[in-house]
């Protein structure tokens, strides 16, 4: 009665069928986002991402699915296992290829074992077992499920996967009526600091334009792509995304795409790309071609907070890393991943490593919480 089908490309299933398993607050799991990555050739075997998506049927009705890739490297994941690969290969093993259940290039928490509203725990467990069986069938070293939701993470561990934690920085909307109401909840020193930063950007003559849906045009994507290429070249060494991807994103997921542009004398000088779910604004990429003091903070953080307040969103997720986000109202939040390892000896070594890693993460989050800007 239960059947699991493997897809070599996301276009092998219709958007409506896939999306019935995707939550309203998860734009990155949607067919439109995944297909934009594949159709632009950003995700393909030549880039080290071979689609292996799984779909679970019960009496020919879709009940669950997962984005799954066979990978030949560890780029674009944000849960780092380079040291694992090096250690295993030094011991004579072969770490790559591996299976990765994730949204490519996207360190955003979401449902990885995606299921329809009427799906049962049995459906989810069957899908998870199918992922593990696929790893065994391919005779590969490991399977990695990254940026999973907490409830999934608890279930996954029951099936022998090793738990791992990390943290990011998120802003939570406490029902603020406007930005000043948010500032009123901060300590006096932090409140003054943010006002000083925003004033500096205003006095530099910077204005902001927020675009989405039909207001997104080729000229806007051309400008933002320059920003993306500049930032990715300086931070990562090579860009993951090409220009075609942004066109497809605007066409397929335009209503969820929020592009914040900074203008100086009617010239676009910086921009930040966000995606919007039903409750959350997800900050993804930023870049600039002209340097103005505090422009990054204003474009990425303060404009995002204002947008969330105006549109009644519950939170802003500002992406991976960046302790400087704390003093701007973004507090550390735990993230979760789980890992299946074929080699028993390697698994034993990772158990010790991950136990220590989780304790370090807990201590770091405790220390970071002491720097909260809130009263």
Protein backbone atom coordinates (compact mmCIF):
# COMPACT_ATOMS: atom_id res chain seq x y z
CA UNK A 1 0.00 0.00 0.00
CA UNK A 2 2.99 2.30 0.61
CA UNK A 3 5.32 3.06 -2.30
CA UNK A 4 8.40 5.29 -2.49
CA UNK A 5 9.38 6.80 -5.82
CA UNK A 6 12.75 8.40 -6.58
CA UNK A 7 12.92 11.50 -8.80
CA UNK A 8 16.03 12.35 -10.82
CA UNK A 9 14.75 15.90 -11.20
CA UNK A 10 12.09 17.94 -9.44
CA UNK A 11 10.24 18.51 -12.73
CA UNK A 12 9.31 14.81 -12.71
CA UNK A 13 6.52 15.76 -10.31
CA UNK A 14 4.00 18.59 -10.63
CA UNK A 15 4.28 21.68 -8.45
CA UNK A 16 0.79 21.13 -7.04
CA UNK A 17 1.57 17.54 -6.01
CA UNK A 18 4.89 18.41 -4.36
CA UNK A 19 3.66 21.58 -2.66
CA UNK A 20 0.79 19.87 -0.85
CA UNK A 21 3.50 18.54 1.49
CA UNK A 22 5.12 21.95 2.03
CA UNK A 23 4.10 24.27 4.86
CA UNK A 24 2.91 27.80 4.17
CA UNK A 25 5.87 29.28 6.04
CA UNK A 26 8.49 27.39 3.99
CA UNK A 27 9.12 29.05 0.60
CA UNK A 28 12.43 27.24 0.11
CA UNK A 29 10.86 23.78 0.16
CA UNK A 30 8.41 24.69 -2.57
CA UNK A 31 8.63 23.19 -6.02
CA UNK A 32 9.14 26.65 -7.53
CA UNK A 33 12.34 27.30 -5.55
CA UNK A 34 13.82 23.85 -6.10
CA UNK A 35 12.98 23.88 -9.81
CA UNK A 36 14.56 27.33 -10.22
CA UNK A 37 17.79 25.87 -8.83
CA UNK A 38 17.68 22.88 -11.16
CA UNK A 39 16.43 24.62 -14.31
CA UNK A 40 19.12 27.30 -13.98
CA UNK A 41 21.70 24.48 -13.73
CA UNK A 42 22.91 25.72 -10.34
CA UNK A 43 21.92 22.30 -8.99
CA UNK A 44 22.97 19.44 -11.23
CA UNK A 45 25.49 16.57 -11.22
CA UNK A 46 28.21 18.79 -12.72
CA UNK A 47 27.97 21.15 -9.73
CA UNK A 48 28.07 18.24 -7.30
CA UNK A 49 24.33 18.14 -6.54
CA UNK A 50 22.60 15.12 -8.11
CA UNK A 51 18.86 15.10 -7.31
CA UNK A 52 17.55 11.95 -5.62
CA UNK A 53 14.23 13.31 -4.35
CA UNK A 54 11.90 10.81 -2.70
CA UNK A 55 8.10 10.81 -2.80
CA UNK A 56 5.95 8.51 -0.66
CA UNK A 57 2.57 7.32 -1.96
CA UNK A 58 -0.20 5.63 -0.03
CA UNK A 59 -2.79 4.09 -2.38
CA UNK A 60 -1.43 6.34 -5.13
CA UNK A 61 -1.91 9.47 -3.04
CA UNK A 62 1.13 11.54 -2.09
CA UNK A 63 1.67 11.61 1.65
CA UNK A 64 5.30 12.75 2.08
CA UNK A 65 8.40 13.79 0.18
CA UNK A 66 11.92 15.06 0.75
CA UNK A 67 14.54 17.06 -1.19
CA UNK A 68 17.52 14.71 -1.45
CA UNK A 69 20.85 14.98 -3.27
CA UNK A 70 23.86 12.79 -3.95
CA UNK A 71 26.83 15.06 -3.32
CA UNK A 72 30.49 14.93 -4.27
CA UNK A 73 31.56 17.71 -1.86
CA UNK A 74 30.36 19.68 1.17
CA UNK A 75 29.91 23.14 -0.34
CA UNK A 76 26.68 25.06 0.10
CA UNK A 77 25.48 23.24 3.23
CA UNK A 78 26.39 25.44 6.26
CA UNK A 79 26.61 22.45 8.61
CA UNK A 80 30.28 21.80 8.20
CA UNK A 81 31.69 18.29 7.90
CA UNK A 82 34.96 18.97 6.09
CA UNK A 83 36.91 17.68 9.10
CA UNK A 84 34.82 14.48 9.08
CA UNK A 85 35.68 13.88 5.43
CA UNK A 86 39.37 14.52 6.02
CA UNK A 87 39.52 12.22 9.05
CA UNK A 88 37.66 9.39 7.34
CA UNK A 89 39.74 9.54 4.20
CA UNK A 90 42.99 9.70 6.19
CA UNK A 91 41.83 6.49 7.86
CA UNK A 92 41.44 4.88 4.43
CA UNK A 93 37.72 5.42 3.90
CA UNK A 94 35.84 7.15 1.08
CA UNK A 95 33.63 9.94 2.39
CA UNK A 96 32.22 11.19 -0.93
CA UNK A 97 29.74 10.77 -2.45
CA UNK A 98 27.23 11.22 0.37
CA UNK A 99 23.47 11.81 0.56
CA UNK A 100 22.23 15.22 1.68
CA UNK A 101 18.64 15.98 2.66
CA UNK A 102 18.62 19.77 2.53
CA UNK A 103 17.70 22.88 0.58
CA UNK A 104 20.79 23.71 -1.48
CA UNK A 105 22.70 26.84 -0.46
CA UNK A 106 20.05 27.64 2.17
CA UNK A 107 20.77 27.53 5.93
CA UNK A 108 17.11 27.84 6.89
CA UNK A 109 15.27 25.54 9.31
CA UNK A 110 12.31 23.76 7.79
CA UNK A 111 10.52 20.46 7.48
CA UNK A 112 12.86 18.01 5.76
CA UNK A 113 10.55 14.98 5.93
CA UNK A 114 7.78 16.99 4.33
CA UNK A 115 4.28 15.55 4.74
CA UNK A 116 0.68 16.29 3.83
CA UNK A 117 -1.70 17.47 6.57
CA UNK A 118 -3.36 14.03 6.73
CA UNK A 119 -0.08 12.07 6.81
CA UNK A 120 0.66 9.85 9.78
CA UNK A 121 3.82 9.07 11.74
CA UNK A 122 4.03 5.84 9.76
CA UNK A 123 4.34 7.79 6.52
CA UNK A 124 7.15 9.93 7.92
CA UNK A 125 9.02 6.94 9.32
CA UNK A 126 8.68 5.06 6.03
CA UNK A 127 10.15 8.00 4.14
CA UNK A 128 13.08 8.20 6.57
CA UNK A 129 13.74 4.47 6.24
CA UNK A 130 13.68 4.85 2.45
CA UNK A 131 16.40 7.52 2.68
CA UNK A 132 18.57 5.21 4.76
CA UNK A 133 17.93 2.30 2.39
CA UNK A 134 18.95 4.51 -0.54
CA UNK A 135 22.25 5.26 1.20
CA UNK A 136 22.83 1.53 1.77
CA UNK A 137 21.88 0.71 -1.81
CA UNK A 138 24.44 3.22 -3.10
CA UNK A 139 27.05 1.86 -0.64
CA UNK A 140 28.04 5.35 0.42
CA UNK A 141 29.51 6.66 3.66
CA UNK A 142 26.68 8.72 5.07
CA UNK A 143 23.33 10.50 4.96
CA UNK A 144 22.92 14.01 6.37
CA UNK A 145 19.65 15.76 7.23
CA UNK A 146 20.38 19.41 7.93
CA UNK A 147 18.38 22.32 9.38
CA UNK A 148 15.52 20.05 10.40
CA UNK A 149 12.67 21.09 12.66
CA UNK A 150 12.96 20.12 16.31
CA UNK A 151 10.08 17.61 16.24
CA UNK A 152 11.60 15.87 13.20
CA UNK A 153 15.00 15.84 14.88
CA UNK A 154 13.59 13.99 17.88
CA UNK A 155 11.97 11.38 15.61
CA UNK A 156 15.05 10.95 13.44
CA UNK A 157 17.24 10.12 16.43
CA UNK A 158 14.95 7.21 17.26
CA UNK A 159 16.11 5.61 14.01
CA UNK A 160 19.79 5.69 14.87
CA UNK A 161 20.90 8.96 13.29
CA UNK A 162 23.43 11.00 15.23
CA UNK A 163 22.16 14.39 16.51
CA UNK A 164 24.03 17.65 15.99
CA UNK A 165 23.16 21.21 17.01
CA UNK A 166 24.24 24.67 15.98
CA UNK A 167 22.76 28.16 16.26
CA UNK A 168 21.65 31.15 14.24
CA UNK A 169 20.29 34.61 15.04
CA UNK A 170 16.58 35.40 14.73
CA UNK A 171 14.44 38.43 15.54
CA UNK A 172 11.04 37.83 17.13
CA UNK A 173 8.10 40.18 16.81
CA UNK A 174 6.52 40.79 20.21
CA UNK A 175 3.49 42.48 18.70
CA UNK A 176 5.29 45.77 18.04
CA UNK A 177 3.17 48.45 16.38
CA UNK A 178 6.19 50.11 14.78
CA UNK A 179 10.00 50.25 14.88
CA UNK A 180 10.01 52.69 17.79
CA UNK A 181 7.96 50.22 19.82
CA UNK A 182 10.65 47.62 19.17
CA UNK A 183 13.36 50.09 20.23
CA UNK A 184 11.47 50.81 23.45
CA UNK A 185 12.12 47.21 24.53
CA UNK A 186 15.89 47.66 24.24
CA UNK A 187 18.30 49.02 26.80
CA UNK A 188 18.95 52.74 26.53
CA UNK A 189 22.48 52.29 25.20
CA UNK A 190 21.48 49.85 22.46
CA UNK A 191 18.49 51.98 21.51
CA UNK A 192 20.70 55.03 21.05
CA UNK A 193 23.23 53.02 19.05
CA UNK A 194 20.63 51.80 16.56
CA UNK A 195 19.18 55.27 16.14
CA UNK A 196 22.67 56.61 15.50
CA UNK A 197 23.30 53.98 12.82
CA UNK A 198 19.98 54.64 11.07
CA UNK A 199 20.55 58.38 11.18
CA UNK A 200 23.96 58.01 9.54
CA UNK A 201 22.43 56.12 6.61
CA UNK A 202 19.66 58.71 6.26
CA UNK A 203 22.15 61.59 6.30
CA UNK A 204 24.20 59.87 3.60
CA UNK A 205 21.22 60.40 1.31
CA UNK A 206 20.26 56.73 1.07
CA UNK A 207 16.66 55.88 0.22
CA UNK A 208 15.04 52.44 0.13
CA UNK A 209 12.78 50.68 -2.30
CA UNK A 210 11.05 47.39 -1.51
CA UNK A 211 10.01 45.27 -4.49
CA UNK A 212 8.20 41.98 -4.96
CA UNK A 213 5.91 40.23 -7.41
CA UNK A 214 5.19 42.21 -10.56
CA UNK A 215 7.36 45.12 -9.45
CA UNK A 216 10.50 42.99 -9.88
CA UNK A 217 12.04 43.71 -13.28
CA UNK A 218 15.16 42.57 -15.13
CA UNK A 219 16.99 45.80 -14.27
CA UNK A 220 16.53 45.11 -10.57
CA UNK A 221 17.86 41.57 -10.88
CA UNK A 222 20.79 42.83 -12.98
CA UNK A 223 21.73 45.24 -10.20
CA UNK A 224 21.29 42.70 -7.43
CA UNK A 225 23.29 40.05 -9.29
CA UNK A 226 26.27 42.41 -9.29
CA UNK A 227 25.92 42.75 -5.52
CA UNK A 228 25.64 38.98 -5.11
CA UNK A 229 28.73 38.32 -7.24
CA UNK A 230 30.77 40.89 -5.33
CA UNK A 231 29.81 39.46 -1.93
CA UNK A 232 30.18 35.80 -2.90
CA UNK A 233 33.55 36.50 -4.47
CA UNK A 234 34.82 38.09 -1.26
CA UNK A 235 33.23 35.67 1.24
CA UNK A 236 33.09 32.25 -0.42
CA UNK A 237 35.52 32.44 -3.33
CA UNK A 238 32.96 31.35 -5.92
CA UNK A 239 29.24 31.99 -6.43
CA UNK A 240 26.72 29.15 -6.16
CA UNK A 241 23.99 30.91 -8.13
CA UNK A 242 23.92 32.28 -11.67
CA UNK A 243 21.93 35.11 -13.22
CA UNK A 244 19.29 32.77 -14.66
CA UNK A 245 18.35 31.57 -11.19
CA UNK A 246 17.25 35.03 -10.08
CA UNK A 247 15.08 35.48 -13.17
CA UNK A 248 13.39 32.13 -12.53
CA UNK A 249 12.98 32.95 -8.84
CA UNK A 250 11.18 36.18 -9.69
CA UNK A 251 8.96 34.45 -12.23
CA UNK A 252 8.04 31.44 -10.10
CA UNK A 253 8.12 32.74 -6.56
CA UNK A 254 7.74 36.48 -7.07
CA UNK A 255 5.02 36.98 -4.46
CA UNK A 256 7.30 35.47 -1.82
CA UNK A 257 10.39 37.36 -2.99
CA UNK A 258 11.16 40.60 -1.15
CA UNK A 259 14.00 42.61 -2.66
CA UNK A 260 15.17 45.60 -0.59
CA UNK A 261 17.20 48.06 -2.65
CA UNK A 262 19.23 51.01 -1.39
CA UNK A 263 19.40 54.04 -3.70
CA UNK A 264 21.74 57.02 -3.73
CA UNK A 265 20.82 59.82 -6.15
CA UNK A 266 18.51 57.34 -7.94
CA UNK A 267 21.37 54.84 -8.36
CA UNK A 268 20.97 51.36 -6.89
CA UNK A 269 24.00 50.97 -4.63
CA UNK A 270 23.09 47.98 -2.45
CA UNK A 271 20.43 45.34 -1.97
CA UNK A 272 19.21 42.49 0.22
CA UNK A 273 17.19 39.52 -1.01
CA UNK A 274 14.59 38.01 1.31
CA UNK A 275 11.93 35.34 0.94
CA UNK A 276 8.65 35.54 2.83
CA UNK A 277 6.63 32.74 4.37
CA UNK A 278 3.29 33.02 6.13
CA UNK A 279 4.99 33.96 9.43
CA UNK A 280 8.66 34.59 8.70
CA UNK A 281 10.89 36.84 6.60
CA UNK A 282 14.03 34.96 5.60
CA UNK A 283 17.10 37.05 4.83
CA UNK A 284 19.32 35.39 2.23
CA UNK A 285 21.78 37.50 0.22
CA UNK A 286 23.18 40.99 0.43
CA UNK A 287 25.73 43.05 -1.46
CA UNK A 288 26.82 46.57 -2.39
CA UNK A 289 29.03 48.34 -4.90
CA UNK A 290 29.46 51.54 -2.88
CA UNK A 291 30.44 51.64 0.78
CA UNK A 292 28.42 53.69 3.26
CA UNK A 293 28.73 53.39 7.01
CA UNK A 294 26.07 51.15 8.62
CA UNK A 295 24.42 50.49 5.24
CA UNK A 296 24.66 46.73 5.72
CA UNK A 297 22.87 46.86 9.09
CA UNK A 298 20.13 49.10 7.75
CA UNK A 299 19.50 47.15 4.54
CA UNK A 300 19.63 43.66 6.00
CA UNK A 301 18.42 44.03 9.58
CA UNK A 302 16.47 47.22 10.26
CA UNK A 303 14.59 47.30 6.97
CA UNK A 304 13.71 43.63 7.49
CA UNK A 305 12.40 44.34 10.99
CA UNK A 306 10.29 47.23 9.73
CA UNK A 307 8.89 45.04 6.95
CA UNK A 308 8.02 42.26 9.41
CA UNK A 309 6.26 44.68 11.77
CA UNK A 310 4.31 46.34 8.95
CA UNK A 311 3.16 43.01 7.51
CA UNK A 312 2.47 41.26 10.81
CA UNK A 313 5.19 38.62 10.48
CA UNK A 314 6.30 36.81 13.62
CA UNK A 315 10.04 36.67 13.01
CA UNK A 316 13.01 37.51 10.84
CA UNK A 317 15.69 34.89 10.23
CA UNK A 318 18.87 36.65 9.23
CA UNK A 319 20.86 33.65 8.04
CA UNK A 320 23.96 31.92 9.34
CA UNK A 321 26.67 33.32 11.62
CA UNK A 322 27.20 36.90 12.80
CA UNK A 323 27.38 37.71 16.51
CA UNK A 324 27.04 41.39 15.60
CA UNK A 325 23.33 40.66 14.99
CA UNK A 326 22.71 40.29 18.74
CA UNK A 327 23.05 43.97 19.59
CA UNK A 328 20.56 44.66 16.79
CA UNK A 329 17.84 42.50 18.32
CA UNK A 330 18.58 39.13 16.72
CA UNK A 331 19.08 36.49 19.43
CA UNK A 332 20.71 33.02 19.19
CA UNK A 333 18.36 30.14 18.33
CA UNK A 334 19.34 26.47 18.22
CA UNK A 335 19.43 24.61 14.89
CA UNK A 336 19.31 20.86 14.34
CA UNK A 337 20.77 18.24 12.02
CA UNK A 338 21.11 14.45 12.07
CA UNK A 339 23.60 12.09 10.47
CA UNK A 340 23.53 8.42 9.47
CA UNK A 341 26.96 6.80 9.11
CA UNK A 342 27.57 3.39 7.57
CA UNK A 343 30.95 2.58 9.13
CA UNK A 344 30.49 1.45 12.79
CA UNK A 345 33.98 2.56 13.79
CA UNK A 346 33.55 5.99 12.24
CA UNK A 347 30.13 6.30 13.87
CA UNK A 348 31.65 5.62 17.29
CA UNK A 349 34.21 8.36 16.77
CA UNK A 350 31.50 10.81 15.71
CA UNK A 351 29.39 10.04 18.78
CA UNK A 352 32.20 11.36 20.99
CA UNK A 353 32.81 14.36 18.75
CA UNK A 354 29.13 15.34 18.57
CA UNK A 355 28.64 14.97 22.33
CA UNK A 356 31.43 17.47 22.89
CA UNK A 357 30.18 19.67 20.04
CA UNK A 358 26.67 19.94 21.53
CA UNK A 359 28.05 20.89 24.94
CA UNK A 360 30.20 23.61 23.37
CA UNK A 361 27.19 24.92 21.43
CA UNK A 362 25.09 25.06 24.63
CA UNK A 363 27.79 26.97 26.48
CA UNK A 364 28.26 29.37 23.59
CA UNK A 365 24.53 30.10 23.41
CA UNK A 366 24.44 30.70 27.16
CA UNK A 367 27.31 33.16 26.91
CA UNK A 368 25.80 34.91 23.90
CA UNK A 369 22.49 35.35 25.69
CA UNK A 370 24.26 37.54 28.24
CA UNK A 371 24.72 40.15 25.50
CA UNK A 372 21.02 40.49 24.77
CA UNK A 373 20.12 44.15 24.03
CA UNK A 374 16.66 43.76 25.55
CA UNK A 375 15.76 45.19 28.94
